Each structure stands twice: as C-alpha cells, then as structure tokens.
N, C-alpha and C. Protein backbone atom coordinates (compact mmCIF):
# COMPACT_ATOMS: atom_id res chain seq x y z
N MET A 1 -64.18 -15.26 82.87
CA MET A 1 -63.80 -14.10 83.66
C MET A 1 -64.62 -12.89 83.20
N SER A 2 -65.20 -12.18 84.14
CA SER A 2 -66.04 -11.03 83.80
C SER A 2 -65.16 -9.84 83.40
N LYS A 3 -65.80 -8.86 82.74
CA LYS A 3 -65.07 -7.65 82.33
C LYS A 3 -64.50 -6.94 83.54
N ASN A 4 -65.24 -6.90 84.65
CA ASN A 4 -64.76 -6.24 85.86
C ASN A 4 -63.52 -6.95 86.41
N GLN A 5 -63.50 -8.29 86.39
CA GLN A 5 -62.33 -9.03 86.85
C GLN A 5 -61.13 -8.77 85.96
N ILE A 6 -61.36 -8.68 84.66
CA ILE A 6 -60.28 -8.38 83.72
C ILE A 6 -59.74 -6.99 83.98
N ASP A 7 -60.64 -6.00 84.20
CA ASP A 7 -60.20 -4.63 84.48
C ASP A 7 -59.36 -4.57 85.76
N ILE A 8 -59.77 -5.30 86.81
CA ILE A 8 -59.02 -5.31 88.06
C ILE A 8 -57.66 -5.96 87.85
N LYS A 9 -57.62 -7.07 87.12
CA LYS A 9 -56.36 -7.75 86.84
C LYS A 9 -55.43 -6.84 86.03
N THR A 10 -55.97 -6.17 85.02
CA THR A 10 -55.17 -5.27 84.19
C THR A 10 -54.61 -4.12 85.02
N LYS A 11 -55.43 -3.55 85.90
CA LYS A 11 -54.99 -2.43 86.74
C LYS A 11 -53.86 -2.88 87.67
N LYS A 12 -53.97 -4.09 88.25
CA LYS A 12 -52.92 -4.60 89.12
C LYS A 12 -51.63 -4.82 88.34
N GLU A 13 -51.74 -5.35 87.14
CA GLU A 13 -50.56 -5.58 86.30
C GLU A 13 -49.88 -4.24 85.95
N LEU A 14 -50.68 -3.23 85.64
CA LEU A 14 -50.12 -1.92 85.32
C LEU A 14 -49.43 -1.31 86.54
N ALA A 15 -50.04 -1.47 87.72
CA ALA A 15 -49.43 -0.94 88.94
C ALA A 15 -48.09 -1.61 89.21
N LEU A 16 -48.01 -2.92 89.02
CA LEU A 16 -46.75 -3.63 89.22
C LEU A 16 -45.70 -3.18 88.21
N LYS A 17 -46.11 -2.99 86.97
CA LYS A 17 -45.18 -2.52 85.93
C LYS A 17 -44.66 -1.12 86.29
N THR A 18 -45.53 -0.25 86.79
CA THR A 18 -45.12 1.09 87.18
C THR A 18 -44.13 1.03 88.33
N ARG A 19 -44.34 0.13 89.29
CA ARG A 19 -43.38 -0.05 90.38
C ARG A 19 -42.01 -0.42 89.82
N GLU A 20 -42.00 -1.31 88.84
CA GLU A 20 -40.73 -1.71 88.21
C GLU A 20 -40.05 -0.51 87.55
N ILE A 21 -40.84 0.31 86.87
CA ILE A 21 -40.28 1.49 86.20
C ILE A 21 -39.69 2.45 87.22
N ILE A 22 -40.40 2.69 88.32
CA ILE A 22 -39.90 3.58 89.37
C ILE A 22 -38.61 3.02 89.95
N SER A 23 -38.55 1.71 90.16
CA SER A 23 -37.32 1.09 90.66
C SER A 23 -36.18 1.27 89.68
N ASP A 24 -36.47 1.16 88.38
CA ASP A 24 -35.45 1.38 87.36
C ASP A 24 -34.94 2.83 87.40
N ILE A 25 -35.84 3.77 87.60
CA ILE A 25 -35.45 5.19 87.70
C ILE A 25 -34.54 5.38 88.91
N GLU A 26 -34.88 4.75 90.04
CA GLU A 26 -34.03 4.84 91.23
C GLU A 26 -32.62 4.33 90.92
N SER A 27 -32.52 3.20 90.24
CA SER A 27 -31.22 2.63 89.89
C SER A 27 -30.42 3.58 89.02
N GLU A 28 -31.07 4.20 88.06
CA GLU A 28 -30.38 5.15 87.18
C GLU A 28 -29.92 6.39 87.95
N LEU A 29 -30.74 6.86 88.89
CA LEU A 29 -30.36 8.03 89.70
C LEU A 29 -29.11 7.72 90.51
N ILE A 30 -29.02 6.52 91.06
CA ILE A 30 -27.86 6.15 91.84
C ILE A 30 -26.61 6.24 90.98
N LYS A 31 -26.71 5.78 89.73
CA LYS A 31 -25.56 5.84 88.82
C LYS A 31 -25.20 7.29 88.47
N MET A 32 -26.21 8.16 88.38
CA MET A 32 -25.99 9.54 87.93
C MET A 32 -25.43 10.43 89.03
N VAL A 33 -25.58 10.04 90.29
CA VAL A 33 -25.18 10.91 91.40
C VAL A 33 -24.03 10.23 92.14
N PRO A 34 -22.78 10.50 91.71
CA PRO A 34 -21.64 9.82 92.30
C PRO A 34 -21.51 10.03 93.80
N SER A 35 -21.93 11.17 94.30
CA SER A 35 -21.79 11.46 95.73
C SER A 35 -22.82 10.71 96.57
N SER A 36 -23.72 9.98 95.92
CA SER A 36 -24.77 9.31 96.67
C SER A 36 -24.29 8.05 97.37
N ASN A 37 -23.09 7.53 96.98
CA ASN A 37 -22.56 6.30 97.57
C ASN A 37 -23.57 5.18 97.54
N GLY A 38 -24.28 5.07 96.43
CA GLY A 38 -25.25 3.99 96.28
C GLY A 38 -26.59 4.27 96.93
N GLN A 39 -26.74 5.45 97.49
CA GLN A 39 -28.00 5.84 98.12
C GLN A 39 -28.76 6.73 97.15
N ILE A 40 -30.04 6.52 97.05
CA ILE A 40 -30.84 7.35 96.16
C ILE A 40 -30.95 8.76 96.75
N VAL A 41 -30.81 9.74 95.91
CA VAL A 41 -31.03 11.12 96.34
C VAL A 41 -32.54 11.30 96.36
N ASP A 42 -33.09 11.38 97.54
CA ASP A 42 -34.54 11.43 97.66
C ASP A 42 -34.95 12.57 98.57
N TYR A 43 -36.21 12.59 98.94
CA TYR A 43 -36.68 13.73 99.71
C TYR A 43 -36.11 13.75 101.13
N HIS A 44 -35.38 12.72 101.53
CA HIS A 44 -34.69 12.74 102.82
C HIS A 44 -33.37 13.49 102.72
N ASP A 45 -32.95 13.83 101.52
CA ASP A 45 -31.66 14.47 101.27
C ASP A 45 -31.79 15.98 101.44
N SER A 46 -31.46 16.47 102.62
CA SER A 46 -31.67 17.90 102.91
C SER A 46 -30.62 18.79 102.25
N VAL A 47 -29.57 18.20 101.65
CA VAL A 47 -28.61 19.00 100.90
C VAL A 47 -29.23 19.45 99.58
N HIS A 48 -29.82 18.50 98.86
CA HIS A 48 -30.44 18.81 97.57
C HIS A 48 -31.85 19.37 97.71
N PHE A 49 -32.52 18.99 98.77
CA PHE A 49 -33.90 19.43 99.00
C PHE A 49 -34.01 19.96 100.43
N PRO A 50 -33.74 21.26 100.62
CA PRO A 50 -33.78 21.81 101.99
C PRO A 50 -35.11 21.52 102.68
N LEU A 51 -34.99 21.09 103.93
CA LEU A 51 -36.17 20.71 104.72
C LEU A 51 -36.35 21.65 105.89
N LYS A 52 -37.60 21.85 106.26
CA LYS A 52 -37.95 22.59 107.46
C LYS A 52 -38.97 21.74 108.21
N HIS A 53 -38.71 21.49 109.48
CA HIS A 53 -39.59 20.66 110.30
C HIS A 53 -40.29 21.55 111.32
N THR A 54 -41.61 21.43 111.40
CA THR A 54 -42.40 22.22 112.34
C THR A 54 -43.34 21.28 113.07
N PHE A 55 -43.57 21.59 114.34
CA PHE A 55 -44.41 20.73 115.17
C PHE A 55 -45.50 21.55 115.82
N ALA A 56 -46.70 20.99 115.84
CA ALA A 56 -47.82 21.55 116.58
C ALA A 56 -48.40 20.39 117.38
N ASP A 57 -49.32 20.66 118.25
CA ASP A 57 -49.86 19.60 119.09
C ASP A 57 -50.47 18.49 118.22
N GLY A 58 -49.81 17.33 118.21
CA GLY A 58 -50.32 16.18 117.47
C GLY A 58 -50.06 16.22 115.97
N ILE A 59 -49.24 17.18 115.51
CA ILE A 59 -49.02 17.34 114.07
C ILE A 59 -47.53 17.53 113.78
N TYR A 60 -47.09 16.89 112.71
CA TYR A 60 -45.73 17.07 112.20
C TYR A 60 -45.84 17.63 110.79
N VAL A 61 -45.19 18.76 110.55
CA VAL A 61 -45.19 19.43 109.26
C VAL A 61 -43.78 19.35 108.69
N ARG A 62 -43.68 18.82 107.47
CA ARG A 62 -42.37 18.68 106.81
C ARG A 62 -42.42 19.48 105.51
N GLN A 63 -41.60 20.52 105.45
CA GLN A 63 -41.55 21.37 104.26
C GLN A 63 -40.29 21.07 103.48
N MET A 64 -40.44 20.90 102.17
CA MET A 64 -39.31 20.62 101.29
C MET A 64 -39.29 21.66 100.17
N THR A 65 -38.11 22.18 99.89
CA THR A 65 -37.93 23.11 98.78
C THR A 65 -37.30 22.35 97.63
N MET A 66 -37.87 22.51 96.44
CA MET A 66 -37.32 21.88 95.24
C MET A 66 -37.01 22.97 94.23
N ASN A 67 -35.81 22.91 93.67
CA ASN A 67 -35.43 23.86 92.64
C ASN A 67 -35.95 23.39 91.28
N LYS A 68 -36.23 24.35 90.42
CA LYS A 68 -36.68 24.05 89.07
C LYS A 68 -35.72 23.05 88.42
N GLY A 69 -36.28 22.02 87.78
CA GLY A 69 -35.48 21.02 87.10
C GLY A 69 -35.05 19.85 87.97
N SER A 70 -35.28 19.95 89.28
CA SER A 70 -34.90 18.83 90.16
C SER A 70 -36.04 17.83 90.24
N PHE A 71 -35.70 16.63 90.64
CA PHE A 71 -36.73 15.63 90.88
C PHE A 71 -36.27 14.70 91.98
N CYS A 72 -37.22 14.06 92.63
CA CYS A 72 -36.90 13.13 93.69
C CYS A 72 -37.89 11.98 93.66
N ILE A 73 -37.49 10.91 94.31
CA ILE A 73 -38.38 9.76 94.49
C ILE A 73 -38.62 9.64 95.98
N GLY A 74 -39.86 9.80 96.37
CA GLY A 74 -40.19 9.76 97.78
C GLY A 74 -40.31 8.35 98.31
N ALA A 75 -40.30 8.24 99.61
CA ALA A 75 -40.53 6.96 100.28
C ALA A 75 -42.02 6.63 100.16
N ILE A 76 -42.36 5.43 100.54
CA ILE A 76 -43.76 4.99 100.51
C ILE A 76 -44.39 5.41 101.83
N HIS A 77 -45.39 6.27 101.77
CA HIS A 77 -46.06 6.72 102.99
C HIS A 77 -46.98 5.63 103.50
N LYS A 78 -46.93 5.39 104.81
CA LYS A 78 -47.68 4.30 105.42
C LYS A 78 -49.15 4.66 105.69
N ASP A 79 -49.42 5.92 105.88
CA ASP A 79 -50.77 6.33 106.29
C ASP A 79 -51.29 7.49 105.44
N LEU A 80 -52.59 7.64 105.47
CA LEU A 80 -53.26 8.75 104.81
C LEU A 80 -52.71 10.06 105.38
N HIS A 81 -52.39 10.99 104.51
CA HIS A 81 -51.92 12.30 104.95
C HIS A 81 -52.29 13.34 103.89
N VAL A 82 -52.01 14.59 104.20
CA VAL A 82 -52.30 15.67 103.28
C VAL A 82 -50.98 16.34 102.92
N TRP A 83 -50.84 16.70 101.63
CA TRP A 83 -49.69 17.51 101.23
C TRP A 83 -50.20 18.74 100.50
N PHE A 84 -49.43 19.81 100.64
CA PHE A 84 -49.75 21.10 100.04
C PHE A 84 -48.61 21.52 99.12
N LEU A 85 -48.94 22.09 97.99
CA LEU A 85 -47.95 22.78 97.17
C LEU A 85 -48.19 24.27 97.41
N LEU A 86 -47.25 24.89 98.11
CA LEU A 86 -47.42 26.30 98.50
C LEU A 86 -47.03 27.25 97.37
N THR A 87 -45.93 26.91 96.69
CA THR A 87 -45.48 27.73 95.55
C THR A 87 -44.97 26.80 94.47
N GLY A 88 -45.04 27.25 93.23
CA GLY A 88 -44.43 26.52 92.13
C GLY A 88 -45.37 25.65 91.33
N HIS A 89 -44.74 24.73 90.60
CA HIS A 89 -45.44 23.82 89.68
C HIS A 89 -44.65 22.52 89.67
N ILE A 90 -45.31 21.42 90.01
CA ILE A 90 -44.65 20.11 90.02
C ILE A 90 -45.44 19.11 89.20
N THR A 91 -44.76 18.06 88.77
CA THR A 91 -45.40 16.91 88.15
C THR A 91 -45.14 15.72 89.07
N VAL A 92 -46.21 14.98 89.37
CA VAL A 92 -46.12 13.82 90.26
C VAL A 92 -46.56 12.58 89.50
N ILE A 93 -45.69 11.57 89.52
CA ILE A 93 -46.00 10.30 88.87
C ILE A 93 -46.11 9.24 89.96
N THR A 94 -47.20 8.49 89.92
CA THR A 94 -47.40 7.36 90.84
C THR A 94 -47.72 6.13 90.00
N GLU A 95 -48.03 5.04 90.67
CA GLU A 95 -48.43 3.81 89.98
C GLU A 95 -49.67 4.05 89.13
N ASP A 96 -50.53 4.93 89.59
CA ASP A 96 -51.84 5.10 88.97
C ASP A 96 -51.95 6.27 88.00
N THR A 97 -51.09 7.27 88.16
CA THR A 97 -51.36 8.49 87.42
C THR A 97 -50.11 9.37 87.26
N LYS A 98 -50.22 10.30 86.36
CA LYS A 98 -49.25 11.40 86.21
C LYS A 98 -50.08 12.68 86.28
N GLU A 99 -49.76 13.52 87.25
CA GLU A 99 -50.55 14.73 87.47
C GLU A 99 -49.64 15.95 87.57
N ASP A 100 -50.10 17.06 87.02
CA ASP A 100 -49.43 18.34 87.20
C ASP A 100 -50.18 19.11 88.29
N TYR A 101 -49.42 19.74 89.18
CA TYR A 101 -50.01 20.55 90.24
C TYR A 101 -49.38 21.93 90.19
N ILE A 102 -50.23 22.94 90.24
CA ILE A 102 -49.78 24.33 90.24
C ILE A 102 -50.26 24.95 91.54
N ALA A 103 -49.34 25.58 92.26
CA ALA A 103 -49.67 26.18 93.55
C ALA A 103 -50.62 27.35 93.38
N PRO A 104 -51.42 27.58 94.38
CA PRO A 104 -51.57 26.80 95.61
C PRO A 104 -52.58 25.67 95.41
N CYS A 105 -52.26 24.52 96.00
CA CYS A 105 -53.19 23.39 95.96
C CYS A 105 -52.84 22.41 97.06
N TYR A 106 -53.75 21.46 97.30
CA TYR A 106 -53.47 20.40 98.28
C TYR A 106 -54.06 19.09 97.78
N VAL A 107 -53.54 18.00 98.31
CA VAL A 107 -53.97 16.67 97.91
C VAL A 107 -54.05 15.80 99.16
N VAL A 108 -55.10 14.98 99.25
CA VAL A 108 -55.17 13.94 100.27
C VAL A 108 -54.49 12.72 99.66
N ALA A 109 -53.36 12.33 100.24
CA ALA A 109 -52.52 11.27 99.67
C ALA A 109 -52.83 9.93 100.32
N LYS A 110 -53.15 8.95 99.48
CA LYS A 110 -53.48 7.63 100.02
C LYS A 110 -52.21 6.89 100.43
N PRO A 111 -52.33 6.03 101.41
CA PRO A 111 -51.16 5.26 101.84
C PRO A 111 -50.72 4.26 100.78
N GLY A 112 -49.45 3.85 100.88
CA GLY A 112 -48.92 2.85 99.97
C GLY A 112 -48.59 3.39 98.60
N THR A 113 -48.36 4.67 98.50
CA THR A 113 -48.05 5.28 97.21
C THR A 113 -46.62 5.79 97.21
N LYS A 114 -45.91 5.48 96.14
CA LYS A 114 -44.56 5.99 95.94
C LYS A 114 -44.65 7.01 94.82
N ARG A 115 -44.00 8.15 95.00
CA ARG A 115 -44.11 9.24 94.04
C ARG A 115 -42.76 9.63 93.46
N VAL A 116 -42.76 9.88 92.17
CA VAL A 116 -41.65 10.56 91.52
C VAL A 116 -42.13 11.99 91.34
N ILE A 117 -41.39 12.94 91.88
CA ILE A 117 -41.81 14.34 91.85
C ILE A 117 -40.77 15.15 91.08
N GLY A 118 -41.24 15.86 90.07
CA GLY A 118 -40.37 16.73 89.29
C GLY A 118 -40.81 18.17 89.44
N ALA A 119 -39.85 19.07 89.66
CA ALA A 119 -40.17 20.49 89.83
C ALA A 119 -40.06 21.20 88.49
N ASN A 120 -41.18 21.67 87.98
CA ASN A 120 -41.22 22.44 86.74
C ASN A 120 -40.86 23.90 86.99
N GLU A 121 -40.99 24.33 88.24
CA GLU A 121 -40.61 25.66 88.71
C GLU A 121 -40.05 25.48 90.11
N ASP A 122 -39.35 26.49 90.64
CA ASP A 122 -38.98 26.44 92.05
C ASP A 122 -40.26 26.23 92.85
N SER A 123 -40.24 25.27 93.78
CA SER A 123 -41.47 24.88 94.45
C SER A 123 -41.25 24.63 95.94
N ILE A 124 -42.28 24.86 96.71
CA ILE A 124 -42.29 24.51 98.12
C ILE A 124 -43.45 23.56 98.34
N PHE A 125 -43.11 22.40 98.88
CA PHE A 125 -44.01 21.25 99.02
C PHE A 125 -44.06 20.91 100.51
N VAL A 126 -45.26 20.73 101.07
CA VAL A 126 -45.40 20.50 102.50
C VAL A 126 -46.26 19.25 102.75
N ASN A 127 -45.75 18.34 103.58
CA ASN A 127 -46.53 17.18 104.05
C ASN A 127 -47.00 17.45 105.46
N ILE A 128 -48.23 17.05 105.74
CA ILE A 128 -48.80 17.17 107.08
C ILE A 128 -49.10 15.76 107.59
N HIS A 129 -48.53 15.39 108.73
CA HIS A 129 -48.71 14.05 109.28
C HIS A 129 -49.23 14.11 110.72
N GLN A 130 -49.97 13.09 111.09
CA GLN A 130 -50.36 12.92 112.48
C GLN A 130 -49.11 12.62 113.29
N ASN A 131 -49.09 13.14 114.51
CA ASN A 131 -47.96 12.91 115.41
C ASN A 131 -48.52 12.89 116.84
N PRO A 132 -49.30 11.85 117.15
CA PRO A 132 -50.06 11.85 118.40
C PRO A 132 -49.23 11.97 119.68
N ASP A 133 -47.99 11.49 119.67
CA ASP A 133 -47.17 11.59 120.88
C ASP A 133 -46.19 12.77 120.83
N ASN A 134 -46.35 13.64 119.83
CA ASN A 134 -45.53 14.85 119.68
C ASN A 134 -44.03 14.54 119.60
N CYS A 135 -43.70 13.45 118.96
CA CYS A 135 -42.30 13.06 118.75
C CYS A 135 -41.61 14.14 117.92
N LYS A 136 -40.37 14.48 118.30
CA LYS A 136 -39.59 15.47 117.53
C LYS A 136 -38.32 14.87 116.96
N ASP A 137 -38.16 13.56 117.09
CA ASP A 137 -37.01 12.85 116.54
C ASP A 137 -37.31 12.56 115.07
N ILE A 138 -36.65 13.27 114.16
CA ILE A 138 -36.95 13.19 112.73
C ILE A 138 -36.74 11.78 112.20
N GLU A 139 -35.66 11.14 112.60
CA GLU A 139 -35.40 9.77 112.13
C GLU A 139 -36.50 8.81 112.59
N GLU A 140 -36.93 8.96 113.82
CA GLU A 140 -38.03 8.13 114.34
C GLU A 140 -39.32 8.40 113.57
N LEU A 141 -39.62 9.67 113.31
CA LEU A 141 -40.82 10.01 112.55
C LEU A 141 -40.77 9.42 111.14
N GLU A 142 -39.61 9.50 110.48
CA GLU A 142 -39.48 8.93 109.14
C GLU A 142 -39.75 7.43 109.17
N ASN A 143 -39.23 6.74 110.20
CA ASN A 143 -39.46 5.30 110.32
C ASN A 143 -40.92 4.98 110.56
N ARG A 144 -41.59 5.80 111.35
CA ARG A 144 -43.02 5.58 111.63
C ARG A 144 -43.90 5.85 110.41
N LEU A 145 -43.55 6.89 109.67
CA LEU A 145 -44.44 7.40 108.63
C LEU A 145 -44.19 6.81 107.25
N THR A 146 -42.98 6.32 106.99
CA THR A 146 -42.66 5.87 105.65
C THR A 146 -42.00 4.49 105.65
N ALA A 147 -42.11 3.84 104.51
CA ALA A 147 -41.40 2.59 104.25
C ALA A 147 -40.42 2.85 103.12
N ARG A 148 -39.25 2.23 103.19
CA ARG A 148 -38.23 2.45 102.17
C ARG A 148 -38.34 1.46 101.01
N SER A 149 -39.18 0.44 101.17
CA SER A 149 -39.34 -0.55 100.10
C SER A 149 -40.77 -1.08 100.13
N TRP A 150 -41.17 -1.73 99.04
CA TRP A 150 -42.49 -2.34 98.98
C TRP A 150 -42.59 -3.48 99.98
N GLU A 151 -41.49 -4.18 100.19
CA GLU A 151 -41.48 -5.29 101.15
C GLU A 151 -41.75 -4.76 102.56
N GLU A 152 -41.06 -3.68 102.92
CA GLU A 152 -41.25 -3.07 104.23
C GLU A 152 -42.70 -2.60 104.39
N TYR A 153 -43.26 -2.01 103.35
CA TYR A 153 -44.65 -1.56 103.42
C TYR A 153 -45.60 -2.75 103.59
N GLY A 154 -45.33 -3.83 102.85
CA GLY A 154 -46.15 -5.03 102.97
C GLY A 154 -46.14 -5.59 104.38
N GLU A 155 -44.97 -5.59 105.02
CA GLU A 155 -44.86 -6.05 106.41
C GLU A 155 -45.64 -5.14 107.34
N TYR A 156 -45.55 -3.83 107.10
CA TYR A 156 -46.29 -2.86 107.92
C TYR A 156 -47.79 -3.14 107.84
N ILE A 157 -48.31 -3.35 106.63
CA ILE A 157 -49.74 -3.61 106.45
C ILE A 157 -50.13 -4.92 107.11
N LYS A 158 -49.30 -5.94 106.94
CA LYS A 158 -49.57 -7.25 107.55
C LYS A 158 -49.65 -7.13 109.08
N ASN A 159 -48.69 -6.42 109.67
CA ASN A 159 -48.66 -6.25 111.13
C ASN A 159 -49.79 -5.35 111.62
N LYS A 160 -50.18 -4.39 110.81
CA LYS A 160 -51.26 -3.46 111.20
C LYS A 160 -52.59 -4.20 111.29
N LYS A 161 -52.78 -5.22 110.43
CA LYS A 161 -54.03 -5.98 110.42
C LYS A 161 -54.15 -6.94 111.59
N GLN A 162 -53.01 -7.27 112.22
CA GLN A 162 -53.02 -8.23 113.32
C GLN A 162 -53.51 -7.61 114.61
C-alpha cells in the first residue's frame, strides 16, 4: 500500500470516528435538555436559536441568532452553500477540522458536512441557499436542503447520481 493510500485510509477512519463523536454529543444533549422530548436541540429550534427567514428571487436566507455559551448541532447540508458570520465569534467543529470564526466573515460550505457550532460571543449566523422555485415553505426547504442523518444523506447522494 502506498503512502498516499495509507493517508486516504487514515483520513476516512478519522472522519468516521469524528461522526461517532458528534453522534455521542447529540445523545448527551438529548439527556441534558429535558424539554427536548428526545429531540436534539439544534438549529431548527427557533426557541433557543431565533430564526429569521428572508427570500429573494431564487435565494433563501436563513438567519440564526446564538447567545454566548450556546451551541448547536446542525443538520447535514445536501448542497454547496455559503454562510456568513455577521456578528460575534463562533467555533465550528466538523469531521475534518475545528475552526474559530470572528465576524465579519464568510465560508463556502461543502455538502455532506455536519457541524457542531459553539458561540463564544453573542453571534448572528446566516446561511444562503439556492431556491430556484422560490419556495417559502420552511419545512419543505429544510427537507430539500438538509439531511437529518448520514443514512438520509447517503440516499440523497445515491439518488442524485441516478
């Protein structure tokens, strides 16, 4: 086995291990938040993370406010998109990296990434998504744009290739 093959194998193993760690964090959050009724408190939770939805021609903008000390685990985004940190300071952990972001900044986010986001300061975080049919049904948009599990994402990718 070449060094490059070993590096690729090691990177895949680390990514899988990180997925397991993120799943463990989700399980612990469920235990810590009695009002969650077994549901993870995530970025879909507009009580803990106030949301603002804005629409422009072909674009869906989702703004989330995070208070200092809060954290969430986002869904797996299905497609390439851009997110902006308008105010504050956050730490984002993915399978591949742990990064600190200080506003103002933006990131081109690759598909198939699950993020643990921690707010080091009060922060405003904005996702920008394509919305070619100008759908305004938030639940429908969430279903189109995100997967709730790795299995669901895998099915999405499999069907997209067909």
